[in-house]
Each structure stands twice: as C-alpha cells, then as structure tokens.
Amino acid sequence: IKLDGISADGDVKLQRRMQVKRVQKYIETLDMLKI
C-alpha cells in the first residue's frame, strides 16, 4: 500500500515497480506455504 501511494517517474518509477513485484512474490509464497 505504501508503494502504491508513491508518485514517481523515470528511474524512480522503475525502482518502485521492482519493489512491488518483490512484495507480490513474497505474498504469493506465503499463500502457498499456508496451504
């Protein structure tokens, strides 16, 4: 949610996108581990 609230462009926008993908990956991993 914090990442979604950051407005950025250029290289900063690319950094935000990379962190969003990381967080989504860990959430998916935890969902699989929960099952």
Full PDB file with SEQRES, HELIX, SHEET, SSBOND, CRYST1, ORIGX, SCALE, CONECT and MASTER records, all heavy atoms in Angstrom:
SEQRES   1 A   35  ILE LYS LEU ASP GLY ILE SER ALA ASP GLY ASP VAL LYS          
SEQRES   2 A   35  LEU GLN ARG ARG MET GLN VAL LYS ARG VAL GLN LYS TYR          
SEQRES   3 A   35  ILE GLU THR LEU ASP MET LEU LYS ILE                          
HELIX    1 AA1 ASP A   11  LYS A   34  1                                  24    
CRYST1    1.000    1.000    1.000  90.00  90.00  90.00 P 1           1          
ORIGX1      1.000000  0.000000  0.000000        0.00000                         
ORIGX2      0.000000  1.000000  0.000000        0.00000                         
ORIGX3      0.000000  0.000000  1.000000        0.00000                         
SCALE1      1.000000  0.000000  0.000000        0.00000                         
SCALE2      0.000000  1.000000  0.000000        0.00000                         
SCALE3      0.000000  0.000000  1.000000        0.00000                         
ATOM      1  N   ILE A   1       0.836  -1.200   0.000  1.00  0.00           N  
ATOM      2  CA  ILE A   1       0.000   0.000   0.000  1.00  0.00           C  
ATOM      3  C   ILE A   1       0.874   1.255   0.000  1.00  0.00           C  
ATOM      4  O   ILE A   1       0.572   2.253  -0.670  1.00  0.00           O  
ATOM      5  CB  ILE A   1      -0.944  -0.012   1.221  1.00  0.00           C  
ATOM      6  CG1 ILE A   1      -1.957  -1.155   1.080  1.00  0.00           C  
ATOM      7  CG2 ILE A   1      -1.660   1.317   1.363  1.00  0.00           C  
ATOM      8  CD1 ILE A   1      -2.817  -1.355   2.298  1.00  0.00           C  
ATOM      9  N   LYS A   2       1.966   1.240   0.763  1.00  0.00           N  
ATOM     10  CA  LYS A   2       2.884   2.378   0.778  1.00  0.00           C  
ATOM     11  C   LYS A   2       3.467   2.634  -0.605  1.00  0.00           C  
ATOM     12  O   LYS A   2       3.576   3.776  -1.052  1.00  0.00           O  
ATOM     13  CB  LYS A   2       4.008   2.138   1.783  1.00  0.00           C  
ATOM     14  CG  LYS A   2       3.572   2.169   3.243  1.00  0.00           C  
ATOM     15  CD  LYS A   2       4.766   1.953   4.146  1.00  0.00           C  
ATOM     16  CE  LYS A   2       4.379   1.970   5.618  1.00  0.00           C  
ATOM     17  NZ  LYS A   2       5.551   1.742   6.494  1.00  0.00           N  
ATOM     18  N   LEU A   3       3.862   1.563  -1.288  1.00  0.00           N  
ATOM     19  CA  LEU A   3       4.421   1.713  -2.629  1.00  0.00           C  
ATOM     20  C   LEU A   3       3.382   2.269  -3.599  1.00  0.00           C  
ATOM     21  O   LEU A   3       3.711   3.070  -4.486  1.00  0.00           O  
ATOM     22  CB  LEU A   3       4.929   0.355  -3.135  1.00  0.00           C  
ATOM     23  CG  LEU A   3       6.206  -0.169  -2.482  1.00  0.00           C  
ATOM     24  CD1 LEU A   3       6.448  -1.616  -2.880  1.00  0.00           C  
ATOM     25  CD2 LEU A   3       7.403   0.684  -2.866  1.00  0.00           C  
ATOM     26  N   ASP A   4       2.152   1.855  -3.447  1.00  0.00           N  
ATOM     27  CA  ASP A   4       1.099   2.335  -4.337  1.00  0.00           C  
ATOM     28  C   ASP A   4       0.851   3.827  -4.141  1.00  0.00           C  
ATOM     29  O   ASP A   4       0.410   4.510  -5.073  1.00  0.00           O  
ATOM     30  CB  ASP A   4      -0.188   1.544  -4.076  1.00  0.00           C  
ATOM     31  CG  ASP A   4      -1.265   1.884  -5.092  1.00  0.00           C  
ATOM     32  OD1 ASP A   4      -1.051   1.643  -6.290  1.00  0.00           O  
ATOM     33  OD2 ASP A   4      -2.317   2.414  -4.677  1.00  0.00           O  
ATOM     34  N   GLY A   5       1.127   4.358  -2.960  1.00  0.00           N  
ATOM     35  CA  GLY A   5       0.909   5.775  -2.688  1.00  0.00           C  
ATOM     36  C   GLY A   5       2.038   6.679  -3.121  1.00  0.00           C  
ATOM     37  O   GLY A   5       1.946   7.898  -2.985  1.00  0.00           O  
ATOM     38  N   ILE A   6       3.131   6.114  -3.649  1.00  0.00           N  
ATOM     39  CA  ILE A   6       4.277   6.914  -4.088  1.00  0.00           C  
ATOM     40  C   ILE A   6       4.104   7.276  -5.555  1.00  0.00           C  
ATOM     41  O   ILE A   6       3.939   6.405  -6.405  1.00  0.00           O  
ATOM     42  CB  ILE A   6       5.598   6.154  -3.876  1.00  0.00           C  
ATOM     43  CG1 ILE A   6       5.829   5.899  -2.383  1.00  0.00           C  
ATOM     44  CG2 ILE A   6       6.768   6.930  -4.463  1.00  0.00           C  
ATOM     45  CD1 ILE A   6       7.056   5.076  -2.089  1.00  0.00           C  
ATOM     46  N   SER A   7       4.146   8.573  -5.848  1.00  0.00           N  
ATOM     47  CA  SER A   7       4.055   9.051  -7.230  1.00  0.00           C  
ATOM     48  C   SER A   7       5.471   9.318  -7.739  1.00  0.00           C  
ATOM     49  O   SER A   7       6.217  10.093  -7.138  1.00  0.00           O  
ATOM     50  CB  SER A   7       3.212  10.326  -7.298  1.00  0.00           C  
ATOM     51  OG  SER A   7       3.177  10.830  -8.616  1.00  0.00           O  
ATOM     52  N   ALA A   8       5.837   8.654  -8.818  1.00  0.00           N  
ATOM     53  CA  ALA A   8       7.208   8.782  -9.318  1.00  0.00           C  
ATOM     54  C   ALA A   8       7.206   8.656 -10.831  1.00  0.00           C  
ATOM     55  O   ALA A   8       6.228   8.238 -11.448  1.00  0.00           O  
ATOM     56  CB  ALA A   8       8.107   7.716  -8.687  1.00  0.00           C  
ATOM     57  N   ASP A   9       8.341   9.022 -11.427  1.00  0.00           N  
ATOM     58  CA  ASP A   9       8.528   8.877 -12.862  1.00  0.00           C  
ATOM     59  C   ASP A   9       9.990   8.568 -13.135  1.00  0.00           C  
ATOM     60  O   ASP A   9      10.848   8.710 -12.271  1.00  0.00           O  
ATOM     61  CB  ASP A   9       8.103  10.149 -13.609  1.00  0.00           C  
ATOM     62  CG  ASP A   9       8.821  11.390 -13.086  1.00  0.00           C  
ATOM     63  OD1 ASP A   9       9.648  11.241 -12.171  1.00  0.00           O  
ATOM     64  OD2 ASP A   9       8.563  12.497 -13.594  1.00  0.00           O  
ATOM     65  N   GLY A  10      10.253   8.115 -14.335  1.00  0.00           N  
ATOM     66  CA  GLY A  10      11.635   7.823 -14.717  1.00  0.00           C  
ATOM     67  C   GLY A  10      12.223   6.650 -13.953  1.00  0.00           C  
ATOM     68  O   GLY A  10      11.582   5.610 -13.754  1.00  0.00           O  
ATOM     69  N   ASP A  11      13.460   6.814 -13.507  1.00  0.00           N  
ATOM     70  CA  ASP A  11      14.164   5.748 -12.793  1.00  0.00           C  
ATOM     71  C   ASP A  11      13.494   5.425 -11.462  1.00  0.00           C  
ATOM     72  O   ASP A  11      13.478   4.256 -11.042  1.00  0.00           O  
ATOM     73  CB  ASP A  11      15.624   6.164 -12.546  1.00  0.00           C  
ATOM     74  CG  ASP A  11      16.405   6.308 -13.836  1.00  0.00           C  
ATOM     75  OD1 ASP A  11      15.972   5.720 -14.847  1.00  0.00           O  
ATOM     76  OD2 ASP A  11      17.428   7.010 -13.853  1.00  0.00           O  
ATOM     77  N   VAL A  12      12.942   6.425 -10.795  1.00  0.00           N  
ATOM     78  CA  VAL A  12      12.281   6.189  -9.513  1.00  0.00           C  
ATOM     79  C   VAL A  12      11.044   5.307  -9.711  1.00  0.00           C  
ATOM     80  O   VAL A  12      10.745   4.430  -8.896  1.00  0.00           O  
ATOM     81  CB  VAL A  12      11.899   7.518  -8.851  1.00  0.00           C  
ATOM     82  CG1 VAL A  12      11.214   7.279  -7.515  1.00  0.00           C  
ATOM     83  CG2 VAL A  12      13.134   8.377  -8.655  1.00  0.00           C  
ATOM     84  N   LYS A  13      10.334   5.519 -10.798  1.00  0.00           N  
ATOM     85  CA  LYS A  13       9.168   4.694 -11.095  1.00  0.00           C  
ATOM     86  C   LYS A  13       9.583   3.244 -11.338  1.00  0.00           C  
ATOM     87  O   LYS A  13       8.882   2.305 -10.932  1.00  0.00           O  
ATOM     88  CB  LYS A  13       8.445   5.249 -12.326  1.00  0.00           C  
ATOM     89  CG  LYS A  13       7.152   4.545 -12.650  1.00  0.00           C  
ATOM     90  CD  LYS A  13       6.460   5.219 -13.828  1.00  0.00           C  
ATOM     91  CE  LYS A  13       5.142   4.537 -14.147  1.00  0.00           C  
ATOM     92  NZ  LYS A  13       4.443   5.207 -15.294  1.00  0.00           N  
ATOM     93  N   LEU A  14      10.714   3.055 -11.991  1.00  0.00           N  
ATOM     94  CA  LEU A  14      11.220   1.704 -12.225  1.00  0.00           C  
ATOM     95  C   LEU A  14      11.594   1.027 -10.908  1.00  0.00           C  
ATOM     96  O   LEU A  14      11.319  -0.165 -10.708  1.00  0.00           O  
ATOM     97  CB  LEU A  14      12.434   1.762 -13.159  1.00  0.00           C  
ATOM     98  CG  LEU A  14      13.107   0.424 -13.497  1.00  0.00           C  
ATOM     99  CD1 LEU A  14      12.122  -0.495 -14.201  1.00  0.00           C  
ATOM    100  CD2 LEU A  14      14.334   0.650 -14.372  1.00  0.00           C  
ATOM    101  N   GLN A  15      12.200   1.765  -9.981  1.00  0.00           N  
ATOM    102  CA  GLN A  15      12.533   1.211  -8.667  1.00  0.00           C  
ATOM    103  C   GLN A  15      11.273   0.799  -7.904  1.00  0.00           C  
ATOM    104  O   GLN A  15      11.237  -0.259  -7.267  1.00  0.00           O  
ATOM    105  CB  GLN A  15      13.309   2.240  -7.854  1.00  0.00           C  
ATOM    106  CG  GLN A  15      14.670   2.598  -8.425  1.00  0.00           C  
ATOM    107  CD  GLN A  15      15.362   3.686  -7.640  1.00  0.00           C  
ATOM    108  OE1 GLN A  15      14.940   4.043  -6.535  1.00  0.00           O  
ATOM    109  NE2 GLN A  15      16.420   4.245  -8.201  1.00  0.00           N  
ATOM    110  N   ARG A  16      10.254   1.623  -7.978  1.00  0.00           N  
ATOM    111  CA  ARG A  16       9.001   1.285  -7.294  1.00  0.00           C  
ATOM    112  C   ARG A  16       8.387   0.016  -7.877  1.00  0.00           C  
ATOM    113  O   ARG A  16       7.894  -0.850  -7.143  1.00  0.00           O  
ATOM    114  CB  ARG A  16       8.006   2.445  -7.427  1.00  0.00           C  
ATOM    115  CG  ARG A  16       6.713   2.237  -6.652  1.00  0.00           C  
ATOM    116  CD  ARG A  16       5.689   3.282  -6.990  1.00  0.00           C  
ATOM    117  NE  ARG A  16       5.279   3.182  -8.383  1.00  0.00           N  
ATOM    118  CZ  ARG A  16       4.385   3.989  -8.951  1.00  0.00           C  
ATOM    119  NH1 ARG A  16       3.844   4.964  -8.252  1.00  0.00           N  
ATOM    120  NH2 ARG A  16       4.046   3.845 -10.209  1.00  0.00           N  
ATOM    121  N   ARG A  17       8.418  -0.112  -9.202  1.00  0.00           N  
ATOM    122  CA  ARG A  17       7.843  -1.292  -9.845  1.00  0.00           C  
ATOM    123  C   ARG A  17       8.582  -2.560  -9.422  1.00  0.00           C  
ATOM    124  O   ARG A  17       7.961  -3.613  -9.195  1.00  0.00           O  
ATOM    125  CB  ARG A  17       7.914  -1.123 -11.362  1.00  0.00           C  
ATOM    126  CG  ARG A  17       7.192  -2.203 -12.158  1.00  0.00           C  
ATOM    127  CD  ARG A  17       7.336  -1.946 -13.636  1.00  0.00           C  
ATOM    128  NE  ARG A  17       6.853  -0.620 -13.986  1.00  0.00           N  
ATOM    129  CZ  ARG A  17       7.033  -0.074 -15.179  1.00  0.00           C  
ATOM    130  NH1 ARG A  17       7.700  -0.715 -16.116  1.00  0.00           N  
ATOM    131  NH2 ARG A  17       6.558   1.133 -15.433  1.00  0.00           N  
ATOM    132  N   MET A  18       9.891  -2.488  -9.301  1.00  0.00           N  
ATOM    133  CA  MET A  18      10.675  -3.649  -8.866  1.00  0.00           C  
ATOM    134  C   MET A  18      10.293  -4.072  -7.453  1.00  0.00           C  
ATOM    135  O   MET A  18      10.153  -5.272  -7.161  1.00  0.00           O  
ATOM    136  CB  MET A  18      12.165  -3.321  -8.942  1.00  0.00           C  
ATOM    137  CG  MET A  18      12.699  -3.139 -10.349  1.00  0.00           C  
ATOM    138  SD  MET A  18      14.435  -2.630 -10.385  1.00  0.00           S  
ATOM    139  CE  MET A  18      15.202  -4.004  -9.529  1.00  0.00           C  
ATOM    140  N   GLN A  19      10.104  -3.111  -6.544  1.00  0.00           N  
ATOM    141  CA  GLN A  19       9.733  -3.442  -5.162  1.00  0.00           C  
ATOM    142  C   GLN A  19       8.314  -4.008  -5.094  1.00  0.00           C  
ATOM    143  O   GLN A  19       8.035  -4.900  -4.295  1.00  0.00           O  
ATOM    144  CB  GLN A  19       9.856  -2.202  -4.280  1.00  0.00           C  
ATOM    145  CG  GLN A  19      11.273  -1.693  -4.136  1.00  0.00           C  
ATOM    146  CD  GLN A  19      12.233  -2.762  -3.645  1.00  0.00           C  
ATOM    147  OE1 GLN A  19      11.935  -3.503  -2.710  1.00  0.00           O  
ATOM    148  NE2 GLN A  19      13.382  -2.854  -4.290  1.00  0.00           N  
ATOM    149  N   VAL A  20       7.418  -3.506  -5.931  1.00  0.00           N  
ATOM    150  CA  VAL A  20       6.052  -4.038  -5.965  1.00  0.00           C  
ATOM    151  C   VAL A  20       6.070  -5.504  -6.372  1.00  0.00           C  
ATOM    152  O   VAL A  20       5.381  -6.346  -5.773  1.00  0.00           O  
ATOM    153  CB  VAL A  20       5.180  -3.217  -6.933  1.00  0.00           C  
ATOM    154  CG1 VAL A  20       3.854  -3.919  -7.211  1.00  0.00           C  
ATOM    155  CG2 VAL A  20       4.918  -1.833  -6.364  1.00  0.00           C  
ATOM    156  N   LYS A  21       6.862  -5.836  -7.379  1.00  0.00           N  
ATOM    157  CA  LYS A  21       6.965  -7.231  -7.819  1.00  0.00           C  
ATOM    158  C   LYS A  21       7.549  -8.114  -6.717  1.00  0.00           C  
ATOM    159  O   LYS A  21       7.121  -9.258  -6.527  1.00  0.00           O  
ATOM    160  CB  LYS A  21       7.813  -7.318  -9.084  1.00  0.00           C  
ATOM    161  CG  LYS A  21       7.139  -6.727 -10.318  1.00  0.00           C  
ATOM    162  CD  LYS A  21       8.010  -6.894 -11.555  1.00  0.00           C  
ATOM    163  CE  LYS A  21       7.316  -6.352 -12.796  1.00  0.00           C  
ATOM    164  NZ  LYS A  21       8.163  -6.504 -14.010  1.00  0.00           N  
ATOM    165  N   ARG A  22       8.529  -7.599  -5.986  1.00  0.00           N  
ATOM    166  CA  ARG A  22       9.114  -8.367  -4.878  1.00  0.00           C  
ATOM    167  C   ARG A  22       8.074  -8.694  -3.815  1.00  0.00           C  
ATOM    168  O   ARG A  22       7.941  -9.833  -3.376  1.00  0.00           O  
ATOM    169  CB  ARG A  22      10.259  -7.588  -4.241  1.00  0.00           C  
ATOM    170  CG  ARG A  22      11.556  -7.577  -5.001  1.00  0.00           C  
ATOM    171  CD  ARG A  22      12.631  -6.919  -4.154  1.00  0.00           C  
ATOM    172  NE  ARG A  22      12.941  -7.707  -2.979  1.00  0.00           N  
ATOM    173  CZ  ARG A  22      13.544  -7.233  -1.909  1.00  0.00           C  
ATOM    174  NH1 ARG A  22      13.866  -5.958  -1.840  1.00  0.00           N  
ATOM    175  NH2 ARG A  22      13.800  -8.013  -0.886  1.00  0.00           N  
ATOM    176  N   VAL A  23       7.327  -7.664  -3.403  1.00  0.00           N  
ATOM    177  CA  VAL A  23       6.330  -7.853  -2.346  1.00  0.00           C  
ATOM    178  C   VAL A  23       5.256  -8.836  -2.804  1.00  0.00           C  
ATOM    179  O   VAL A  23       4.847  -9.725  -2.045  1.00  0.00           O  
ATOM    180  CB  VAL A  23       5.705  -6.500  -1.958  1.00  0.00           C  
ATOM    181  CG1 VAL A  23       4.573  -6.704  -0.963  1.00  0.00           C  
ATOM    182  CG2 VAL A  23       6.762  -5.582  -1.361  1.00  0.00           C  
ATOM    183  N   GLN A  24       4.784  -8.700  -4.037  1.00  0.00           N  
ATOM    184  CA  GLN A  24       3.773  -9.618  -4.552  1.00  0.00           C  
ATOM    185  C   GLN A  24       4.287 -11.057  -4.588  1.00  0.00           C  
ATOM    186  O   GLN A  24       3.547 -12.008  -4.279  1.00  0.00           O  
ATOM    187  CB  GLN A  24       3.336  -9.178  -5.949  1.00  0.00           C  
ATOM    188  CG  GLN A  24       2.549  -7.877  -5.965  1.00  0.00           C  
ATOM    189  CD  GLN A  24       2.238  -7.412  -7.366  1.00  0.00           C  
ATOM    190  OE1 GLN A  24       2.842  -7.866  -8.342  1.00  0.00           O  
ATOM    191  NE2 GLN A  24       1.309  -6.475  -7.491  1.00  0.00           N  
ATOM    192  N   LYS A  25       5.551 -11.226  -4.919  1.00  0.00           N  
ATOM    193  CA  LYS A  25       6.141 -12.562  -4.950  1.00  0.00           C  
ATOM    194  C   LYS A  25       6.157 -13.192  -3.561  1.00  0.00           C  
ATOM    195  O   LYS A  25       5.817 -14.373  -3.393  1.00  0.00           O  
ATOM    196  CB  LYS A  25       7.561 -12.472  -5.512  1.00  0.00           C  
ATOM    197  CG  LYS A  25       8.300 -13.803  -5.530  1.00  0.00           C  
ATOM    198  CD  LYS A  25       9.720 -13.620  -6.041  1.00  0.00           C  
ATOM    199  CE  LYS A  25      10.484 -14.930  -5.965  1.00  0.00           C  
ATOM    200  NZ  LYS A  25      11.897 -14.754  -6.431  1.00  0.00           N  
ATOM    201  N   TYR A  26       6.523 -12.415  -2.531  1.00  0.00           N  
ATOM    202  CA  TYR A  26       6.571 -12.958  -1.164  1.00  0.00           C  
ATOM    203  C   TYR A  26       5.169 -13.268  -0.644  1.00  0.00           C  
ATOM    204  O   TYR A  26       4.972 -14.252   0.088  1.00  0.00           O  
ATOM    205  CB  TYR A  26       7.274 -11.966  -0.239  1.00  0.00           C  
ATOM    206  CG  TYR A  26       8.744 -11.807  -0.538  1.00  0.00           C  
ATOM    207  CD1 TYR A  26       9.338 -10.541  -0.551  1.00  0.00           C  
ATOM    208  CD2 TYR A  26       9.543 -12.907  -0.829  1.00  0.00           C  
ATOM    209  CE1 TYR A  26      10.689 -10.394  -0.845  1.00  0.00           C  
ATOM    210  CE2 TYR A  26      10.890 -12.752  -1.116  1.00  0.00           C  
ATOM    211  CZ  TYR A  26      11.458 -11.496  -1.129  1.00  0.00           C  
ATOM    212  OH  TYR A  26      12.792 -11.346  -1.415  1.00  0.00           O  
ATOM    213  N   ILE A  27       4.185 -12.467  -1.027  1.00  0.00           N  
ATOM    214  CA  ILE A  27       2.811 -12.742  -0.612  1.00  0.00           C  
ATOM    215  C   ILE A  27       2.316 -14.041  -1.233  1.00  0.00           C  
ATOM    216  O   ILE A  27       1.672 -14.868  -0.574  1.00  0.00           O  
ATOM    217  CB  ILE A  27       1.894 -11.563  -0.991  1.00  0.00           C  
ATOM    218  CG1 ILE A  27       2.238 -10.330  -0.150  1.00  0.00           C  
ATOM    219  CG2 ILE A  27       0.425 -11.932  -0.798  1.00  0.00           C  
ATOM    220  CD1 ILE A  27       1.454  -9.087  -0.527  1.00  0.00           C  
ATOM    221  N   GLU A  28       2.621 -14.249  -2.511  1.00  0.00           N  
ATOM    222  CA  GLU A  28       2.238 -15.499  -3.163  1.00  0.00           C  
ATOM    223  C   GLU A  28       2.934 -16.692  -2.514  1.00  0.00           C  
ATOM    224  O   GLU A  28       2.333 -17.763  -2.329  1.00  0.00           O  
ATOM    225  CB  GLU A  28       2.592 -15.434  -4.647  1.00  0.00           C  
ATOM    226  CG  GLU A  28       1.761 -14.419  -5.430  1.00  0.00           C  
ATOM    227  CD  GLU A  28       2.230 -14.282  -6.863  1.00  0.00           C  
ATOM    228  OE1 GLU A  28       3.237 -14.957  -7.217  1.00  0.00           O  
ATOM    229  OE2 GLU A  28       1.619 -13.503  -7.617  1.00  0.00           O  
ATOM    230  N   THR A  29       4.176 -16.520  -2.135  1.00  0.00           N  
ATOM    231  CA  THR A  29       4.904 -17.612  -1.460  1.00  0.00           C  
ATOM    232  C   THR A  29       4.254 -17.960  -0.133  1.00  0.00           C  
ATOM    233  O   THR A  29       4.090 -19.141   0.212  1.00  0.00           O  
ATOM    234  CB  THR A  29       6.367 -17.191  -1.231  1.00  0.00           C  
ATOM    235  OG1 THR A  29       6.979 -16.895  -2.488  1.00  0.00           O  
ATOM    236  CG2 THR A  29       7.150 -18.296  -0.540  1.00  0.00           C  
ATOM    237  N   LEU A  30       3.856 -16.948   0.623  1.00  0.00           N  
ATOM    238  CA  LEU A  30       3.207 -17.204   1.911  1.00  0.00           C  
ATOM    239  C   LEU A  30       1.851 -17.871   1.735  1.00  0.00           C  
ATOM    240  O   LEU A  30       1.453 -18.716   2.559  1.00  0.00           O  
ATOM    241  CB  LEU A  30       3.049 -15.891   2.681  1.00  0.00           C  
ATOM    242  CG  LEU A  30       4.341 -15.302   3.256  1.00  0.00           C  
ATOM    243  CD1 LEU A  30       4.092 -13.911   3.818  1.00  0.00           C  
ATOM    244  CD2 LEU A  30       4.928 -16.209   4.335  1.00  0.00           C  
ATOM    245  N   ASP A  31       1.121 -17.522   0.686  1.00  0.00           N  
ATOM    246  CA  ASP A  31      -0.159 -18.189   0.419  1.00  0.00           C  
ATOM    247  C   ASP A  31       0.048 -19.678   0.160  1.00  0.00           C  
ATOM    248  O   ASP A  31      -0.719 -20.526   0.661  1.00  0.00           O  
ATOM    249  CB  ASP A  31      -0.853 -17.531  -0.775  1.00  0.00           C  
ATOM    250  CG  ASP A  31      -1.401 -16.149  -0.442  1.00  0.00           C  
ATOM    251  OD1 ASP A  31      -1.665 -15.899   0.765  1.00  0.00           O  
ATOM    252  OD2 ASP A  31      -1.557 -15.331  -1.362  1.00  0.00           O  
ATOM    253  N   MET A  32       1.066 -20.012  -0.616  1.00  0.00           N  
ATOM    254  CA  MET A  32       1.369 -21.418  -0.877  1.00  0.00           C  
ATOM    255  C   MET A  32       1.821 -22.128   0.393  1.00  0.00           C  
ATOM    256  O   MET A  32       1.438 -23.281   0.667  1.00  0.00           O  
ATOM    257  CB  MET A  32       2.450 -21.527  -1.958  1.00  0.00           C  
ATOM    258  CG  MET A  32       2.032 -20.979  -3.311  1.00  0.00           C  
ATOM    259  SD  MET A  32       0.624 -21.872  -4.017  1.00  0.00           S  
ATOM    260  CE  MET A  32       1.353 -23.503  -4.215  1.00  0.00           C  
ATOM    261  N   LEU A  33       2.623 -21.450   1.213  1.00  0.00           N  
ATOM    262  CA  LEU A  33       3.089 -22.056   2.459  1.00  0.00           C  
ATOM    263  C   LEU A  33       1.929 -22.264   3.430  1.00  0.00           C  
ATOM    264  O   LEU A  33       1.921 -23.240   4.199  1.00  0.00           O  
ATOM    265  CB  LEU A  33       4.156 -21.168   3.102  1.00  0.00           C  
ATOM    266  CG  LEU A  33       5.498 -21.080   2.373  1.00  0.00           C  
ATOM    267  CD1 LEU A  33       6.407 -20.074   3.050  1.00  0.00           C  
ATOM    268  CD2 LEU A  33       6.170 -22.445   2.324  1.00  0.00           C  
ATOM    269  N   LYS A  34       0.953 -21.384   3.394  1.00  0.00           N  
ATOM    270  CA  LYS A  34      -0.207 -21.535   4.280  1.00  0.00           C  
ATOM    271  C   LYS A  34      -0.987 -22.792   3.940  1.00  0.00           C  
ATOM    272  O   LYS A  34      -1.430 -23.533   4.833  1.00  0.00           O  
ATOM    273  CB  LYS A  34      -1.094 -20.298   4.172  1.00  0.00           C  
ATOM    274  CG  LYS A  34      -2.232 -20.264   5.181  1.00  0.00           C  
ATOM    275  CD  LYS A  34      -2.904 -18.915   5.205  1.00  0.00           C  
ATOM    276  CE  LYS A  34      -3.573 -18.629   3.881  1.00  0.00           C  
ATOM    277  NZ  LYS A  34      -4.378 -17.384   3.938  1.00  0.00           N  
ATOM    278  N   ILE A  35      -1.160 -23.056   2.651  1.00  0.00           N  
ATOM    279  CA  ILE A  35      -1.858 -24.282   2.233  1.00  0.00           C  
ATOM    280  C   ILE A  35      -1.054 -25.517   2.620  1.00  0.00           C  
ATOM    281  O   ILE A  35      -1.597 -26.503   3.143  1.00  0.00           O  
ATOM    282  CB  ILE A  35      -2.103 -24.242   0.707  1.00  0.00           C  
ATOM    283  CG1 ILE A  35      -3.020 -23.068   0.346  1.00  0.00           C  
ATOM    284  CG2 ILE A  35      -2.686 -25.551   0.216  1.00  0.00           C  
ATOM    285  CD1 ILE A  35      -3.181 -22.851  -1.141  1.00  0.00           C  
TER     286      ILE A  35                                                      
MASTER        0    0    0    1    0    0    0    6  285    1    0    3          
END                                                                             
